[in-house]
PDB file of N, CA and C in Angstrom:
ATOM      1  N   UNK A   1      -3.054   7.361  -7.125  1.00  0.00           N
ATOM      2  CA  UNK A   1      -4.122   6.007  -7.151  1.00  0.00           C
ATOM      3  C   UNK A   1      -4.276   6.023  -7.749  1.00  0.00           C
ATOM      4  N   UNK A   2      -3.165   5.016  -9.454  1.00  0.00           N
ATOM      5  CA  UNK A   2      -3.509   5.088 -10.596  1.00  0.00           C
ATOM      6  C   UNK A   2      -4.474   3.909 -10.613  1.00  0.00           C
ATOM      7  N   UNK A   3      -4.315   2.898  -9.918  1.00  0.00           N
ATOM      8  CA  UNK A   3      -4.721   1.767  -9.870  1.00  0.00           C
ATOM      9  C   UNK A   3      -6.023   1.431  -9.044  1.00  0.00           C
ATOM     10  N   UNK A   4      -6.480   2.287  -8.981  1.00  0.00           N
ATOM     11  CA  UNK A   4      -7.984   2.254  -7.888  1.00  0.00           C
ATOM     12  C   UNK A   4      -9.173   2.218  -9.073  1.00  0.00           C
ATOM     13  N   UNK A   5      -9.377   2.504  -9.579  1.00  0.00           N
ATOM     14  CA  UNK A   5     -10.212   2.011 -10.973  1.00  0.00           C
ATOM     15  C   UNK A   5     -10.151   0.595 -11.614  1.00  0.00           C
ATOM     16  N   UNK A   6      -8.632   0.262 -11.667  1.00  0.00           N
ATOM     17  CA  UNK A   6      -8.739  -1.317 -12.484  1.00  0.00           C
ATOM     18  C   UNK A   6      -8.987  -2.199 -11.550  1.00  0.00           C
ATOM     19  N   UNK A   7      -8.214  -1.950  -9.914  1.00  0.00           N
ATOM     20  CA  UNK A   7      -9.177  -3.034  -8.827  1.00  0.00           C
ATOM     21  C   UNK A   7     -10.467  -2.800  -8.843  1.00  0.00           C
ATOM     22  N   UNK A   8     -11.244  -1.855  -8.545  1.00  0.00           N
ATOM     23  CA  UNK A   8     -12.253  -1.750  -8.568  1.00  0.00           C
ATOM     24  C   UNK A   8     -13.189  -2.918 -10.071  1.00  0.00           C
ATOM     25  N   UNK A   9     -12.948  -2.360 -11.274  1.00  0.00           N
ATOM     26  CA  UNK A   9     -12.779  -3.392 -11.940  1.00  0.00           C
ATOM     27  C   UNK A   9     -13.052  -4.850 -11.835  1.00  0.00           C
ATOM     28  N   UNK A  10     -12.149  -5.121 -11.208  1.00  0.00           N
ATOM     29  CA  UNK A  10     -11.696  -6.185 -11.154  1.00  0.00           C
ATOM     30  C   UNK A  10     -12.329  -7.227 -10.015  1.00  0.00           C
ATOM     31  N   UNK A  11     -12.779  -6.120  -9.005  1.00  0.00           N
ATOM     32  CA  UNK A  11     -13.411  -7.229  -7.949  1.00  0.00           C
ATOM     33  C   UNK A  11     -14.825  -7.223  -8.784  1.00  0.00           C
ATOM     34  N   UNK A  12     -15.186  -8.707  -8.361  1.00  0.00           N
ATOM     35  CA  UNK A  12     -17.267  -8.424  -8.676  1.00  0.00           C
ATOM     36  C   UNK A  12     -17.591  -8.004  -8.147  1.00  0.00           C
ATOM     37  N   UNK A  13     -18.415  -7.223  -8.852  1.00  0.00           N
ATOM     38  CA  UNK A  13     -20.094  -6.486  -8.523  1.00  0.00           C
ATOM     39  C   UNK A  13     -20.795  -6.992  -7.607  1.00  0.00           C
ATOM     40  N   UNK A  14     -20.895  -7.979  -7.771  1.00  0.00           N
ATOM     41  CA  UNK A  14     -22.137  -8.809  -6.629  1.00  0.00           C
ATOM     42  C   UNK A  14     -21.332  -9.055  -5.019  1.00  0.00           C
ATOM     43  N   UNK A  15     -19.926  -8.924  -5.328  1.00  0.00           N
ATOM     44  CA  UNK A  15     -19.253  -9.747  -4.040  1.00  0.00           C
ATOM     45  C   UNK A  15     -19.326  -8.269  -3.380  1.00  0.00           C
ATOM     46  N   UNK A  16     -18.995  -6.939  -3.787  1.00  0.00           N
ATOM     47  CA  UNK A  16     -18.390  -5.671  -3.479  1.00  0.00           C
ATOM     48  C   UNK A  16     -19.782  -5.301  -2.910  1.00  0.00           C
ATOM     49  N   UNK A  17     -20.771  -5.888  -3.626  1.00  0.00           N
ATOM     50  CA  UNK A  17     -22.421  -5.109  -2.835  1.00  0.00           C
ATOM     51  C   UNK A  17     -22.388  -6.170  -1.325  1.00  0.00           C
ATOM     52  N   UNK A  18     -21.949  -7.165  -1.565  1.00  0.00           N
ATOM     53  CA  UNK A  18     -21.975  -8.073  -0.542  1.00  0.00           C
ATOM     54  C   UNK A  18     -21.464  -7.270   1.097  1.00  0.00           C
ATOM     55  N   UNK A  19     -20.280  -7.403   0.457  1.00  0.00           N
ATOM     56  CA  UNK A  19     -19.172  -6.790   1.584  1.00  0.00           C
ATOM     57  C   UNK A  19     -19.188  -5.472   2.381  1.00  0.00           C
ATOM     58  N   UNK A  20     -19.789  -4.561   1.148  1.00  0.00           N
ATOM     59  CA  UNK A  20     -20.807  -3.397   1.956  1.00  0.00           C
ATOM     60  C   UNK A  20     -21.614  -3.398   2.672  1.00  0.00           C
ATOM     61  N   UNK A  21     -22.223  -4.571   1.952  1.00  0.00           N
ATOM     62  CA  UNK A  21     -23.904  -4.345   3.403  1.00  0.00           C
ATOM     63  C   UNK A  21     -23.531  -5.143   4.573  1.00  0.00           C
ATOM     64  N   UNK A  22     -22.466  -5.849   4.336  1.00  0.00           N
ATOM     65  CA  UNK A  22     -22.086  -6.466   5.970  1.00  0.00           C
ATOM     66  C   UNK A  22     -21.394  -5.405   6.579  1.00  0.00           C
ATOM     67  N   UNK A  23     -20.579  -4.544   5.966  1.00  0.00           N
ATOM     68  CA  UNK A  23     -19.468  -3.485   6.788  1.00  0.00           C
ATOM     69  C   UNK A  23     -20.694  -2.727   7.064  1.00  0.00           C
ATOM     70  N   UNK A  24     -22.226  -2.314   6.603  1.00  0.00           N
ATOM     71  CA  UNK A  24     -22.890  -1.621   6.734  1.00  0.00           C
ATOM     72  C   UNK A  24     -23.462  -1.933   7.614  1.00  0.00           C
ATOM     73  N   UNK A  25     -24.015  -2.741   7.819  1.00  0.00           N
ATOM     74  CA  UNK A  25     -24.803  -3.751   9.042  1.00  0.00           C
ATOM     75  C   UNK A  25     -23.763  -3.159  10.305  1.00  0.00           C
ATOM     76  N   UNK A  26     -22.829  -3.663  10.484  1.00  0.00           N
ATOM     77  CA  UNK A  26     -21.835  -3.714  11.221  1.00  0.00           C
ATOM     78  C   UNK A  26     -21.856  -2.347  11.840  1.00  0.00           C
ATOM     79  N   UNK A  27     -21.773  -1.121  11.298  1.00  0.00           N
ATOM     80  CA  UNK A  27     -21.569  -0.206  11.602  1.00  0.00           C
ATOM     81  C   UNK A  27     -23.217   0.583  12.362  1.00  0.00           C
ATOM     82  N   UNK A  28     -23.817  -0.220  11.396  1.00  0.00           N
ATOM     83  CA  UNK A  28     -25.690   0.328  11.924  1.00  0.00           C
ATOM     84  C   UNK A  28     -25.889  -0.387  13.312  1.00  0.00           C
ATOM     85  N   UNK A  29     -25.194  -1.253  13.745  1.00  0.00           N
ATOM     86  CA  UNK A  29     -25.354  -2.204  14.662  1.00  0.00           C
ATOM     87  C   UNK A  29     -24.392  -1.458  15.946  1.00  0.00           C
ATOM     88  N   UNK A  30     -23.012  -1.281  15.773  1.00  0.00           N
ATOM     89  CA  UNK A  30     -22.250  -0.182  16.370  1.00  0.00           C
ATOM     90  C   UNK A  30     -23.173   1.114  17.081  1.00  0.00           C
ATOM     91  N   UNK A  31     -23.585   1.709  16.136  1.00  0.00           N
ATOM     92  CA  UNK A  31     -24.167   2.773  16.018  1.00  0.00           C
ATOM     93  C   UNK A  31     -25.246   2.461  17.269  1.00  0.00           C
ATOM     94  N   UNK A  32     -26.337   1.772  17.107  1.00  0.00           N
ATOM     95  CA  UNK A  32     -27.256   1.734  18.032  1.00  0.00           C
ATOM     96  C   UNK A  32     -27.435   0.958  19.279  1.00  0.00           C
ATOM     97  N   UNK A  33     -26.012   0.381  19.487  1.00  0.00           N
ATOM     98  CA  UNK A  33     -25.844  -0.112  20.306  1.00  0.00           C
ATOM     99  C   UNK A  33     -25.142   0.786  21.615  1.00  0.00           C
ATOM    100  N   UNK A  34     -24.466   2.206  21.239  1.00  0.00           N
ATOM    101  CA  UNK A  34     -24.456   3.191  21.414  1.00  0.00           C
ATOM    102  C   UNK A  34     -25.354   3.910  21.980  1.00  0.00           C
TER     103      UNK A  34
END
């Protein structure tokens, strides 16, 4: 997985944070509904 760091650098950090937060919210909802 040599290209992994390059991929991260290509992704805009702001977009990455938004994506991460959305995924975290989904996980929280799933956890709390159970």
